Amino acid sequence: MPRAKSVARKKLVSEPLLDSHEIQGNILAGFNKDHQRLVGLRIRGVAEARKWLARILPHVSSLAEVYQFNALFRLRRSRLGRDPVCLVASWMNIAFSRDGLAQLTSDSDAAALPDAAFQIGLTKDRADLLGDPTPGGETDPTARWVIGGTHHPVDILMIVASDDKTRLDSLVVQLRPAPMDGLSAPEIIWEEQGETRTDLPGHEHFGFKDGVSQPGVRGLISRRPRIYLTPRLLKAPGTGEIAFAKPGQPLIWPGQFVLGYPFGDRDGAMQPAPPLGRAWFKNGSFLVFRRLEQNVAGFSAFLKAEADRLSKTAGFPGISAEHLGALFVGRWPSGAPVSRTPGGDNPDLAADSLSNNDFLFTEDTPPPVFLPGVGVTAGTFPRAMEGSKGPVCPHAAHIFKVNPRDSATNLGPDFDTLTRRILRRGIPFGTPLTSLEDDGASRGLHFLSYQASIVDQFEILQQNWANNTGAPTSGGNDLIIGQTKTAARTMDLPSLVPSQGGEKISAPVEWVKPTGGGYFFAPSIGAIRGVLAVG
C-alpha cells in the first residue's frame, strides 16, 4: 500500500505547470458562451496588419482569465441552482493560416511549424483527402465554399464570444480594422454569428446534445496551491492503467493539444515535448475550422422512413425515428448514452455529469471509485455492460467512430484513441428548423477543434475512421459526419432482439456538408506581442 501511494504521488508531481497567461483561453478552457462571432480577415498590408494586431492584443483572452471565470461561473451555478445571469464576460482569440503567418514573419518561419496538413491548407487537395463532396460536378470540393478553400482564403480567423449579444456586438466593433490601423489594414471578407439554441440549449440542429465528451487535460494552473486544470475526482489507477479525472473522462497530456508540452501514450506514460523549430511556437495550438451545413429536414425524413421500414421487421419491432437517430449517434437527444439506457431517453442520466459519459464498449463498466472527501457520488443508473450482456452501441455510431474508448482499433490496442482526441469548441449557426419541411435557410455547426497535430488527430478521425467502413473497427460509415464520394454510406445496425439478425442501413445522401473552413495556428499571446505584431 505505501508503494502504491508513492507511485500516485509521483504522478501528481510530474504534471507540468501550464503557461496560463500565454496560452489562448479557448484552447484548454473553452469559451462556452451563448453568442459567438467568427470573423475571417485577409492581410492587405503587412505593416498595417501588425499595427492592428498590436491594437487588439489587450483583448486576446488567456487561459488564466477564462479558467478563472469558468471556475467562478460553475461555483455560482452550483450554489444558485441555475446560471448566474449577472456574471458575464466577453472574450476574443485569434489564429493564422500558413500564408498569414508567412506574411507576418517569413516563409521559413511558417514552414517550420510541424504539421503537413497546416502547410498545405484546407484547399482542394486536403478537402479531397477528407472526402468532401464536389457539388455541381466541380473538381474542387471547396469551389463553392462561402469562406476558405481555394477561392476565399482566410489569413486570420478571429473568434469573439460573449454571454451577452449586445456586448458581443460592441466588442466586434472595437476589434474590426479601422482607419486608425492604416489604409491597407486587414480586410474583413466574412463573418457569421453562432448562437446557442434557446429552444434546446447545448444541442445542435439535429436535436442532439453536443460536446458531452471532452478529454481531461493534464497540467497545473498553480503549483502552490496545487490547482489542476482538470479537477480530479477519482482515485489514482494502478500502474499501466488508464487515468481518469472523473467517470468517463480520461486524462491526456497537454502536449496532445498545445505545442511545447509533454505528451503521452495509451499507458499514460509521459514523453518529453519534441523540439520546436522556433521558440515562439510554444504554447500554440493548431485550429481546425469547418462550416458544416446540416440538412435537418432531409435527416428527419430519412429517420422517419427508415424507422417505419425497420419497425415492421423482427429485429426492430416498433422502433421510432428518435430511437434510430440515437443508434446513429450513440446517444439519445438528451445526451444519455444508449449503452446505459437502451430502451429510451433518460434526461436525468444525461444531466448527471458523473454518469453521462461513464461507459465502456468491450467490457463491463465498473462503478467509479472516488477520492475520499470529494463529496460526490454517481447516479444510480444501470451500468453499461459488455456487448453480449447488455445494449450494444453500434460500431458505426458517431460516438464510437470518433472515440472507441476501450475497443482496439485498426491503429492500436484499447484506448489508443487517447492520442487522437481533440478539443471541440463548436457552436450552431442559423435558426432552428421549426417544421419538417425544408425552409431553404442555412443552418449548421461552426466546428472548431484544437489539437497538436491536424494530421494525426482531426484528419485521422474524419478520413480514417468516420469515412471508413472498416475502421476503427468494422461496422460501416459514420452516418452523421462520414463522407464518401463513390458509394452510398452504410451502417451495420445490431438487432434490438438478441435472437434476430441485424440490418444494413444505406444512406444515399449526406446530411452534413462542409461549406467553408480552414486550417490555422493559434499562437501564444507572447508570440503575437513579440513576433507577429512588431516590425
Protein backbone atom coordinates (compact mmCIF):
# COMPACT_ATOMS: atom_id res chain seq x y z
CA MET A 1 0.00 0.00 0.00
CA PRO A 2 2.73 2.59 0.80
CA ARG A 3 4.34 1.80 -2.54
CA ALA A 4 1.07 2.46 -4.38
CA LYS A 5 0.74 5.81 -2.62
CA SER A 6 4.28 6.67 -3.64
CA VAL A 7 3.51 5.88 -7.26
CA ALA A 8 0.39 8.03 -7.16
CA ARG A 9 2.31 10.91 -5.54
CA LYS A 10 4.98 10.72 -8.21
CA LYS A 11 2.33 11.00 -10.91
CA LEU A 12 0.90 14.12 -9.30
CA VAL A 13 4.24 15.91 -9.09
CA SER A 14 5.21 15.13 -12.69
CA GLU A 15 2.45 17.16 -14.33
CA PRO A 16 3.71 20.38 -15.93
CA LEU A 17 2.80 23.91 -14.94
CA LEU A 18 0.87 25.43 -17.83
CA ASP A 19 1.77 28.90 -19.11
CA SER A 20 -1.77 30.05 -18.38
CA HIS A 21 -1.06 33.71 -19.19
CA GLU A 22 0.38 32.74 -22.59
CA ILE A 23 -1.98 30.05 -23.92
CA GLN A 24 -5.08 31.46 -25.61
CA GLY A 25 -8.15 30.78 -23.49
CA ASN A 26 -10.40 28.92 -25.92
CA ILE A 27 -7.86 26.13 -26.38
CA LEU A 28 -7.71 24.38 -23.00
CA ALA A 29 -10.52 26.07 -21.04
CA GLY A 30 -13.11 26.79 -23.74
CA PHE A 31 -15.17 29.95 -24.07
CA ASN A 32 -18.52 28.13 -23.64
CA LYS A 33 -20.52 31.25 -24.49
CA ASP A 34 -24.05 31.52 -25.86
CA HIS A 35 -23.03 34.02 -28.54
CA GLN A 36 -20.01 33.74 -30.79
CA ARG A 37 -18.88 35.58 -33.92
CA LEU A 38 -16.35 34.21 -36.37
CA VAL A 39 -14.54 36.85 -38.41
CA GLY A 40 -12.31 35.98 -41.38
CA LEU A 41 -9.74 38.56 -42.48
CA ARG A 42 -7.26 38.95 -45.31
CA ILE A 43 -3.94 40.75 -44.92
CA ARG A 44 -3.55 43.64 -47.39
CA GLY A 45 -0.51 45.36 -45.92
CA VAL A 46 1.94 43.73 -43.51
CA ALA A 47 2.77 46.90 -41.57
CA GLU A 48 -0.91 47.73 -41.16
CA ALA A 49 -1.73 44.17 -40.10
CA ARG A 50 0.95 44.35 -37.41
CA LYS A 51 -0.38 47.70 -36.24
CA TRP A 52 -3.90 46.29 -35.99
CA LEU A 53 -2.64 43.25 -34.08
CA ALA A 54 -0.84 45.49 -31.60
CA ARG A 55 -4.05 47.47 -31.05
CA ILE A 56 -6.28 44.45 -30.40
CA LEU A 57 -3.67 42.48 -28.42
CA PRO A 58 -5.08 43.51 -24.98
CA HIS A 59 -8.37 41.83 -25.98
CA VAL A 60 -6.81 38.40 -26.63
CA SER A 61 -8.08 36.30 -23.74
CA SER A 62 -5.71 33.96 -21.92
CA LEU A 63 -6.21 30.55 -20.34
CA ALA A 64 -5.74 32.19 -16.94
CA GLU A 65 -8.72 34.53 -17.23
CA VAL A 66 -11.01 32.06 -19.00
CA TYR A 67 -10.22 29.35 -16.46
CA GLN A 68 -10.84 31.67 -13.50
CA PHE A 69 -14.14 32.93 -14.91
CA ASN A 70 -15.39 29.44 -15.76
CA ALA A 71 -14.49 28.22 -12.26
CA LEU A 72 -16.38 31.11 -10.68
CA PHE A 73 -19.34 30.53 -13.02
CA ARG A 74 -19.54 26.85 -12.02
CA LEU A 75 -19.29 27.74 -8.34
CA ARG A 76 -22.09 30.29 -8.56
CA ARG A 77 -24.27 27.97 -10.62
CA SER A 78 -23.79 25.18 -8.07
CA ARG A 79 -24.82 27.49 -5.24
CA LEU A 80 -27.78 29.11 -7.03
CA GLY A 81 -29.03 26.01 -8.84
CA ARG A 82 -29.15 27.99 -12.11
CA ASP A 83 -26.90 30.04 -14.35
CA PRO A 84 -25.85 33.32 -12.67
CA VAL A 85 -27.42 35.85 -15.04
CA CYS A 86 -25.33 38.83 -13.91
CA LEU A 87 -21.97 37.09 -14.32
CA VAL A 88 -20.93 37.88 -17.89
CA ALA A 89 -17.71 38.13 -19.87
CA SER A 90 -16.65 38.78 -23.46
CA TRP A 91 -13.55 37.18 -24.97
CA MET A 92 -11.53 37.04 -28.17
CA ASN A 93 -8.98 34.62 -29.58
CA ILE A 94 -7.16 34.69 -32.90
CA ALA A 95 -5.47 32.25 -35.28
CA PHE A 96 -3.49 32.48 -38.51
CA SER A 97 -3.29 30.46 -41.70
CA ARG A 98 0.02 29.27 -43.06
CA ASP A 99 0.05 32.11 -45.62
CA GLY A 100 -0.93 34.63 -42.96
CA LEU A 101 1.97 33.62 -40.75
CA ALA A 102 4.37 33.68 -43.69
CA GLN A 103 3.41 37.26 -44.48
CA LEU A 104 3.84 38.42 -40.88
CA THR A 105 7.11 36.53 -40.29
CA SER A 106 8.79 34.69 -43.15
CA ASP A 107 8.15 31.68 -45.33
CA SER A 108 10.85 29.73 -43.48
CA ASP A 109 9.22 30.52 -40.13
CA ALA A 110 5.81 29.31 -41.34
CA ALA A 111 7.40 26.23 -42.92
CA ALA A 112 8.94 25.26 -39.56
CA LEU A 113 5.53 24.54 -37.99
CA PRO A 114 5.33 20.74 -37.62
CA ASP A 115 2.15 19.74 -39.44
CA ALA A 116 1.85 18.74 -43.10
CA ALA A 117 -1.88 19.48 -43.27
CA PHE A 118 -1.38 23.00 -41.94
CA GLN A 119 1.36 23.57 -44.51
CA ILE A 120 -0.95 22.58 -47.38
CA GLY A 121 -4.06 24.26 -46.01
CA LEU A 122 -7.67 23.19 -46.26
CA THR A 123 -8.00 23.67 -50.01
CA LYS A 124 -8.63 21.21 -52.84
CA ASP A 125 -6.06 18.50 -52.06
CA ARG A 126 -6.80 18.28 -48.34
CA ALA A 127 -10.57 18.55 -48.87
CA ASP A 128 -10.30 15.68 -51.39
CA LEU A 129 -8.45 13.62 -48.78
CA LEU A 130 -11.26 14.28 -46.27
CA GLY A 131 -13.85 13.09 -48.78
CA ASP A 132 -15.52 16.49 -49.06
CA PRO A 133 -18.27 16.39 -51.72
CA THR A 134 -17.98 18.17 -55.07
CA PRO A 135 -21.49 19.57 -55.75
CA GLY A 136 -22.46 20.58 -59.26
CA GLY A 137 -19.77 18.49 -60.91
CA GLU A 138 -16.93 20.66 -59.62
CA THR A 139 -13.49 19.06 -59.44
CA ASP A 140 -12.56 21.23 -56.45
CA PRO A 141 -14.62 20.40 -53.31
CA THR A 142 -14.03 23.92 -51.99
CA ALA A 143 -15.10 25.76 -55.16
CA ARG A 144 -18.49 26.80 -53.76
CA TRP A 145 -17.45 27.35 -50.17
CA VAL A 146 -18.65 30.64 -48.69
CA ILE A 147 -15.34 31.07 -46.85
CA GLY A 148 -11.92 29.48 -47.10
CA GLY A 149 -10.89 26.90 -49.63
CA THR A 150 -9.38 27.76 -52.97
CA HIS A 151 -11.34 30.92 -53.77
CA HIS A 152 -11.90 32.63 -50.39
CA PRO A 153 -8.67 32.12 -48.43
CA VAL A 154 -8.51 33.48 -44.90
CA ASP A 155 -5.27 34.77 -43.41
CA ILE A 156 -6.61 35.46 -39.92
CA LEU A 157 -9.58 33.93 -38.07
CA MET A 158 -10.93 35.83 -35.10
CA ILE A 159 -13.23 34.15 -32.56
CA VAL A 160 -15.24 36.60 -30.45
CA ALA A 161 -17.60 35.28 -27.77
CA SER A 162 -19.81 36.67 -25.02
CA ASP A 163 -22.57 35.81 -22.59
CA ASP A 164 -24.44 38.88 -23.84
CA LYS A 165 -25.21 39.56 -27.53
CA THR A 166 -25.15 43.33 -27.15
CA ARG A 167 -21.71 43.20 -25.54
CA LEU A 168 -20.55 40.85 -28.28
CA ASP A 169 -21.65 43.30 -30.96
CA SER A 170 -19.87 46.15 -29.17
CA LEU A 171 -16.62 44.18 -28.85
CA VAL A 172 -16.67 43.17 -32.51
CA VAL A 173 -16.97 46.85 -33.47
CA GLN A 174 -13.90 47.65 -31.34
CA LEU A 175 -11.89 44.83 -32.89
CA ARG A 176 -12.68 45.49 -36.53
CA PRO A 177 -9.88 47.10 -38.54
CA ALA A 178 -10.44 50.86 -38.65
CA PRO A 179 -8.85 53.98 -40.23
CA MET A 180 -6.53 54.23 -37.22
CA ASP A 181 -4.91 50.99 -38.41
CA GLY A 182 -3.95 52.42 -41.82
CA LEU A 183 -5.33 52.50 -45.36
CA SER A 184 -4.23 48.91 -46.01
CA ALA A 185 -5.49 47.44 -42.75
CA PRO A 186 -6.70 43.82 -42.84
CA GLU A 187 -9.94 43.36 -44.75
CA ILE A 188 -12.90 41.51 -43.30
CA ILE A 189 -14.03 39.11 -46.01
CA TRP A 190 -16.55 37.10 -43.99
CA GLU A 191 -18.21 36.97 -40.62
CA GLU A 192 -21.02 34.89 -39.19
CA GLN A 193 -22.83 34.63 -35.91
CA GLY A 194 -23.08 31.43 -33.91
CA GLU A 195 -25.72 31.04 -31.21
CA THR A 196 -26.62 28.50 -28.58
CA ARG A 197 -30.14 27.32 -29.32
CA THR A 198 -32.63 28.98 -26.98
CA ASP A 199 -35.17 26.19 -27.51
CA LEU A 200 -32.63 23.42 -26.83
CA PRO A 201 -29.54 24.87 -25.13
CA GLY A 202 -26.41 22.86 -25.84
CA HIS A 203 -27.98 20.92 -28.73
CA GLU A 204 -27.05 21.01 -32.40
CA HIS A 205 -29.63 21.36 -35.18
CA PHE A 206 -30.41 17.64 -35.49
CA GLY A 207 -31.58 17.91 -31.89
CA PHE A 208 -28.78 16.05 -30.07
CA LYS A 209 -26.79 17.30 -27.11
CA ASP A 210 -23.34 18.31 -28.31
CA GLY A 211 -19.96 18.38 -26.59
CA VAL A 212 -20.78 15.86 -23.84
CA SER A 213 -17.48 14.03 -24.09
CA GLN A 214 -14.37 16.18 -23.74
CA PRO A 215 -10.99 14.80 -22.62
CA GLY A 216 -9.46 15.93 -19.35
CA VAL A 217 -6.20 17.77 -19.96
CA ARG A 218 -3.36 17.16 -17.53
CA GLY A 219 -1.37 20.11 -16.18
CA LEU A 220 -1.32 22.60 -13.35
CA ILE A 221 -2.73 26.09 -13.23
CA SER A 222 -0.82 26.67 -9.99
CA ARG A 223 1.78 24.71 -8.00
CA ARG A 224 1.14 26.43 -4.66
CA PRO A 225 -1.63 25.85 -4.01
CA ARG A 226 -1.79 22.84 -6.31
CA ILE A 227 -4.60 23.51 -8.77
CA TYR A 228 -5.18 21.18 -11.69
CA LEU A 229 -6.62 22.44 -14.95
CA THR A 230 -8.91 19.39 -14.80
CA PRO A 231 -10.22 18.66 -11.27
CA ARG A 232 -9.56 15.11 -10.02
CA LEU A 233 -12.42 13.15 -8.51
CA LEU A 234 -11.28 9.55 -8.94
CA LYS A 235 -8.62 7.54 -7.16
CA ALA A 236 -5.30 7.18 -8.99
CA PRO A 237 -5.16 3.99 -11.09
CA GLY A 238 -2.75 1.13 -10.78
CA THR A 239 0.46 1.01 -12.78
CA GLY A 240 -0.25 0.76 -16.51
CA GLU A 241 -3.96 1.55 -16.13
CA ILE A 242 -5.74 4.48 -17.77
CA ALA A 243 -6.13 7.51 -15.50
CA PHE A 244 -9.48 9.31 -15.39
CA ALA A 245 -10.30 12.69 -13.84
CA LYS A 246 -13.97 11.80 -13.43
CA PRO A 247 -16.05 8.89 -14.73
CA GLY A 248 -15.59 8.64 -18.48
CA GLN A 249 -13.07 11.50 -18.73
CA PRO A 250 -9.56 10.18 -19.44
CA LEU A 251 -6.58 12.34 -18.55
CA ILE A 252 -4.43 13.30 -21.52
CA TRP A 253 -1.07 15.08 -21.52
CA PRO A 254 -1.22 18.71 -22.67
CA GLY A 255 1.26 18.09 -25.48
CA GLN A 256 -1.57 16.41 -27.40
CA PHE A 257 -3.19 19.83 -27.71
CA VAL A 258 -0.55 22.52 -27.16
CA LEU A 259 2.97 22.64 -28.58
CA GLY A 260 5.94 22.53 -26.23
CA TYR A 261 4.46 20.26 -23.55
CA PRO A 262 4.83 16.58 -22.65
CA PHE A 263 2.64 14.14 -24.48
CA GLY A 264 1.78 10.54 -23.67
CA ASP A 265 0.79 7.12 -24.89
CA ARG A 266 -2.14 4.88 -24.01
CA ASP A 267 -0.46 3.83 -20.75
CA GLY A 268 -0.32 7.41 -19.55
CA ALA A 269 3.47 7.47 -19.59
CA MET A 270 4.84 10.95 -20.14
CA GLN A 271 7.03 11.62 -23.17
CA PRO A 272 9.10 14.82 -23.30
CA ALA A 273 7.97 17.59 -25.62
CA PRO A 274 9.58 17.29 -29.06
CA PRO A 275 11.89 20.15 -30.09
CA LEU A 276 10.25 23.08 -31.87
CA GLY A 277 11.55 24.79 -34.97
CA ARG A 278 11.04 28.21 -33.38
CA ALA A 279 10.86 29.10 -29.69
CA TRP A 280 7.72 31.18 -30.27
CA PHE A 281 5.75 28.10 -31.39
CA LYS A 282 5.48 27.03 -27.73
CA ASN A 283 2.03 27.44 -26.17
CA GLY A 284 0.41 27.47 -29.61
CA SER A 285 -2.15 25.03 -31.00
CA PHE A 286 -3.47 24.07 -34.41
CA LEU A 287 -7.09 25.06 -35.06
CA VAL A 288 -9.43 23.32 -37.50
CA PHE A 289 -12.47 25.30 -38.62
CA ARG A 290 -15.25 23.67 -40.61
CA ARG A 291 -18.51 25.41 -41.54
CA LEU A 292 -20.84 22.40 -41.66
CA GLU A 293 -24.33 22.87 -43.08
CA GLN A 294 -26.97 20.47 -41.75
CA ASN A 295 -29.91 19.27 -43.82
CA VAL A 296 -32.27 18.90 -40.87
CA ALA A 297 -35.40 18.22 -42.93
CA GLY A 298 -33.63 15.54 -45.01
CA PHE A 299 -32.18 13.85 -41.92
CA SER A 300 -35.56 13.83 -40.17
CA ALA A 301 -37.33 12.45 -43.25
CA PHE A 302 -34.77 9.64 -43.60
CA LEU A 303 -35.10 8.66 -39.93
CA LYS A 304 -38.88 8.54 -40.20
CA ALA A 305 -38.93 6.50 -43.40
CA GLU A 306 -36.23 4.08 -42.26
CA ALA A 307 -37.78 3.66 -38.81
CA ASP A 308 -41.14 2.89 -40.45
CA ARG A 309 -39.45 0.18 -42.52
CA LEU A 310 -37.44 -1.30 -39.66
CA SER A 311 -40.38 -1.27 -37.23
CA LYS A 312 -42.01 -3.99 -39.31
CA THR A 313 -39.02 -6.33 -39.05
CA ALA A 314 -38.41 -8.97 -36.38
CA GLY A 315 -35.20 -7.38 -35.17
CA PHE A 316 -36.54 -3.84 -34.64
CA PRO A 317 -40.22 -4.09 -33.68
CA GLY A 318 -41.83 -0.70 -33.17
CA ILE A 319 -38.56 1.26 -33.41
CA SER A 320 -39.16 5.02 -33.54
CA ALA A 321 -37.33 7.67 -35.54
CA GLU A 322 -35.89 9.04 -32.29
CA HIS A 323 -34.55 5.62 -31.32
CA LEU A 324 -32.99 5.10 -34.75
CA GLY A 325 -31.34 8.52 -34.57
CA ALA A 326 -29.97 7.62 -31.14
CA LEU A 327 -28.37 4.49 -32.62
CA PHE A 328 -26.80 6.59 -35.38
CA VAL A 329 -25.31 8.96 -32.78
CA GLY A 330 -24.76 6.55 -29.86
CA ARG A 331 -26.65 8.91 -27.56
CA TRP A 332 -30.26 9.94 -27.14
CA PRO A 333 -31.17 13.57 -27.89
CA SER A 334 -30.65 14.50 -24.21
CA GLY A 335 -27.08 13.16 -24.34
CA ALA A 336 -27.80 9.97 -22.39
CA PRO A 337 -25.73 7.10 -23.88
CA VAL A 338 -27.61 4.20 -25.46
CA SER A 339 -25.14 1.86 -23.72
CA ARG A 340 -26.67 2.77 -20.35
CA THR A 341 -30.28 3.39 -21.28
CA PRO A 342 -31.19 1.24 -24.30
CA GLY A 343 -34.98 1.40 -24.03
CA GLY A 344 -35.46 5.15 -24.20
CA ASP A 345 -34.06 8.56 -23.41
CA ASN A 346 -33.23 9.42 -19.81
CA PRO A 347 -32.78 13.18 -19.24
CA ASP A 348 -31.81 12.61 -15.59
CA LEU A 349 -28.90 10.42 -16.68
CA ALA A 350 -27.93 12.98 -19.32
CA ALA A 351 -27.88 15.76 -16.72
CA ASP A 352 -25.60 13.81 -14.36
CA SER A 353 -22.05 14.77 -15.36
CA LEU A 354 -20.65 11.86 -13.32
CA SER A 355 -22.76 9.32 -15.23
CA ASN A 356 -23.49 10.57 -18.75
CA ASN A 357 -20.04 9.71 -20.06
CA ASP A 358 -19.23 6.72 -17.86
CA PHE A 359 -19.34 3.71 -20.16
CA LEU A 360 -17.05 1.28 -21.97
CA PHE A 361 -17.72 -0.77 -25.07
CA THR A 362 -15.91 -4.10 -24.73
CA GLU A 363 -16.13 -4.91 -21.01
CA ASP A 364 -18.50 -4.32 -18.12
CA THR A 365 -18.08 -0.76 -16.88
CA PRO A 366 -17.01 -0.88 -13.23
CA PRO A 367 -18.53 1.53 -10.70
CA PRO A 368 -16.34 4.60 -10.11
CA VAL A 369 -14.11 4.80 -7.04
CA PHE A 370 -13.97 8.40 -5.88
CA LEU A 371 -11.24 10.05 -3.86
CA PRO A 372 -12.15 10.37 -0.18
CA GLY A 373 -13.59 13.71 0.76
CA VAL A 374 -14.55 14.95 -2.71
CA GLY A 375 -18.20 14.92 -1.68
CA VAL A 376 -19.70 13.45 -4.86
CA THR A 377 -21.47 10.25 -5.82
CA ALA A 378 -22.53 8.87 -9.18
CA GLY A 379 -26.19 8.40 -10.01
CA THR A 380 -27.83 5.01 -9.51
CA PHE A 381 -28.36 4.37 -13.21
CA PRO A 382 -27.87 0.97 -14.88
CA ARG A 383 -24.20 0.28 -15.62
CA ALA A 384 -23.02 -0.18 -19.20
CA MET A 385 -22.34 -3.87 -19.81
CA GLU A 386 -20.14 -5.73 -22.26
CA GLY A 387 -21.88 -6.25 -25.59
CA SER A 388 -23.03 -9.84 -25.11
CA LYS A 389 -24.69 -8.94 -21.79
CA GLY A 390 -26.36 -5.64 -22.49
CA PRO A 391 -27.23 -2.99 -25.05
CA VAL A 392 -24.82 -2.59 -27.92
CA CYS A 393 -23.68 0.74 -29.25
CA PRO A 394 -23.27 0.20 -33.00
CA HIS A 395 -19.63 0.28 -34.09
CA ALA A 396 -20.57 2.86 -36.71
CA ALA A 397 -22.36 5.13 -34.23
CA HIS A 398 -20.84 8.60 -34.22
CA ILE A 399 -19.55 8.43 -30.65
CA PHE A 400 -17.91 5.03 -31.28
CA LYS A 401 -16.33 6.17 -34.53
CA VAL A 402 -14.57 9.21 -33.06
CA ASN A 403 -13.88 7.75 -29.59
CA PRO A 404 -13.67 3.93 -29.49
CA ARG A 405 -12.70 4.05 -25.78
CA ASP A 406 -11.63 0.58 -24.65
CA SER A 407 -12.10 -1.03 -28.06
CA ALA A 408 -8.98 -1.99 -30.01
CA THR A 409 -8.75 -0.14 -33.32
CA ASN A 410 -7.09 -0.58 -36.70
CA LEU A 411 -4.28 1.64 -35.34
CA GLY A 412 -3.61 0.05 -31.97
CA PRO A 413 -4.86 -1.51 -28.73
CA ASP A 414 -7.58 -0.37 -26.37
CA PHE A 415 -7.56 3.35 -25.51
CA ASP A 416 -5.23 4.10 -28.42
CA THR A 417 -7.81 6.78 -29.18
CA LEU A 418 -6.36 8.92 -26.37
CA THR A 419 -3.67 10.07 -28.79
CA ARG A 420 -6.35 11.03 -31.33
CA ARG A 421 -8.61 13.13 -29.13
CA ILE A 422 -9.36 16.75 -29.98
CA LEU A 423 -10.78 19.67 -28.01
CA ARG A 424 -14.06 20.73 -29.65
CA ARG A 425 -15.27 24.33 -29.36
CA GLY A 426 -18.12 24.42 -31.86
CA ILE A 427 -21.41 26.30 -31.81
CA PRO A 428 -24.55 26.17 -34.02
CA PHE A 429 -25.27 28.85 -36.61
CA GLY A 430 -28.59 29.69 -38.22
CA THR A 431 -32.11 29.47 -36.81
CA PRO A 432 -33.59 26.11 -35.77
CA LEU A 433 -35.96 24.44 -38.22
CA THR A 434 -39.47 24.67 -36.76
CA SER A 435 -41.22 22.24 -39.10
CA LEU A 436 -40.47 19.06 -41.02
CA GLU A 437 -40.32 21.00 -44.32
CA ASP A 438 -37.05 22.44 -45.56
CA ASP A 439 -37.27 26.24 -45.41
CA GLY A 440 -34.15 26.81 -47.52
CA ALA A 441 -32.30 28.60 -44.71
CA SER A 442 -28.64 27.96 -44.00
CA ARG A 443 -28.05 26.30 -40.63
CA GLY A 444 -25.45 24.03 -39.17
CA LEU A 445 -22.39 23.95 -36.96
CA HIS A 446 -19.27 26.06 -36.74
CA PHE A 447 -16.98 23.13 -35.98
CA LEU A 448 -13.82 24.26 -34.18
CA SER A 449 -11.21 21.93 -32.76
CA TYR A 450 -7.77 22.37 -31.23
CA GLN A 451 -5.02 19.77 -31.44
CA ALA A 452 -1.22 19.46 -31.62
CA SER A 453 -1.42 17.64 -34.97
CA ILE A 454 -4.13 18.11 -37.59
CA VAL A 455 -2.81 15.07 -39.49
CA ASP A 456 -2.69 12.66 -36.55
CA GLN A 457 -5.80 13.85 -34.75
CA PHE A 458 -8.56 15.62 -36.71
CA GLU A 459 -7.77 14.02 -40.07
CA ILE A 460 -7.45 10.53 -38.58
CA LEU A 461 -10.91 10.90 -37.04
CA GLN A 462 -12.52 12.19 -40.24
CA GLN A 463 -10.70 10.40 -43.04
CA ASN A 464 -9.54 7.13 -41.46
CA TRP A 465 -12.43 6.48 -39.10
CA ALA A 466 -15.66 8.39 -39.87
CA ASN A 467 -15.38 7.88 -43.64
CA ASN A 468 -14.18 4.26 -43.43
CA THR A 469 -16.45 1.22 -43.20
CA GLY A 470 -13.74 -0.91 -41.60
CA ALA A 471 -12.17 1.44 -39.07
CA PRO A 472 -11.62 1.97 -36.21
CA THR A 473 -13.37 -1.44 -36.27
CA SER A 474 -15.71 -2.89 -38.87
CA GLY A 475 -19.32 -1.74 -38.84
CA GLY A 476 -19.88 0.84 -41.53
CA ASN A 477 -19.57 4.59 -42.03
CA ASP A 478 -20.38 7.29 -39.54
CA LEU A 479 -23.77 8.33 -40.95
CA ILE A 480 -23.62 11.68 -39.16
CA ILE A 481 -20.29 13.13 -40.35
CA GLY A 482 -18.83 10.41 -42.59
CA GLN A 483 -18.26 11.25 -46.26
CA THR A 484 -17.81 9.04 -49.33
CA LYS A 485 -17.53 10.08 -52.96
CA THR A 486 -18.04 6.81 -54.79
CA ALA A 487 -20.75 4.90 -52.91
CA ALA A 488 -23.65 5.30 -50.53
CA ARG A 489 -22.66 5.22 -46.89
CA THR A 490 -23.72 2.15 -44.93
CA MET A 491 -24.10 1.15 -41.29
CA ASP A 492 -24.41 -2.28 -39.69
CA LEU A 493 -27.23 -1.97 -37.17
CA PRO A 494 -27.28 -4.67 -34.45
CA SER A 495 -30.70 -6.12 -33.77
CA LEU A 496 -32.67 -4.91 -30.74
CA VAL A 497 -33.88 -8.51 -30.31
CA PRO A 498 -30.98 -10.86 -29.42
CA SER A 499 -32.34 -13.84 -31.34
CA GLN A 500 -32.76 -11.86 -34.56
CA GLY A 501 -30.28 -10.65 -37.16
CA GLY A 502 -29.33 -7.05 -37.68
CA GLU A 503 -29.82 -4.79 -40.67
CA LYS A 504 -27.53 -2.86 -43.01
CA ILE A 505 -28.65 0.74 -43.35
CA SER A 506 -27.83 2.55 -46.58
CA ALA A 507 -27.79 6.35 -46.64
CA PRO A 508 -27.84 7.68 -50.21
CA VAL A 509 -27.20 11.32 -49.26
CA GLU A 510 -25.08 13.21 -46.76
CA TRP A 511 -26.95 15.45 -44.34
CA VAL A 512 -23.83 17.31 -43.15
CA LYS A 513 -21.82 19.13 -45.81
CA PRO A 514 -18.80 21.41 -45.46
CA THR A 515 -19.36 24.88 -46.92
CA GLY A 516 -16.29 26.63 -45.55
CA GLY A 517 -13.27 26.23 -43.34
CA GLY A 518 -9.54 26.36 -42.93
CA TYR A 519 -6.50 25.15 -41.03
CA PHE A 520 -4.95 27.69 -38.64
CA PHE A 521 -2.36 28.10 -35.91
CA ALA A 522 -3.34 29.84 -32.65
CA PRO A 523 -0.04 31.19 -31.28
CA SER A 524 0.72 32.21 -27.74
CA ILE A 525 -0.12 35.72 -26.61
CA GLY A 526 3.60 36.38 -26.21
CA ALA A 527 4.20 35.32 -29.82
CA ILE A 528 1.59 37.77 -31.04
CA ARG A 529 3.16 40.53 -28.94
CA GLY A 530 6.79 39.78 -29.64
CA VAL A 531 6.78 38.34 -33.17
CA LEU A 532 3.60 38.95 -35.17
CA ALA A 533 2.67 42.45 -34.04
CA VAL A 534 6.13 44.01 -34.38
CA GLY A 535 8.09 45.15 -37.39
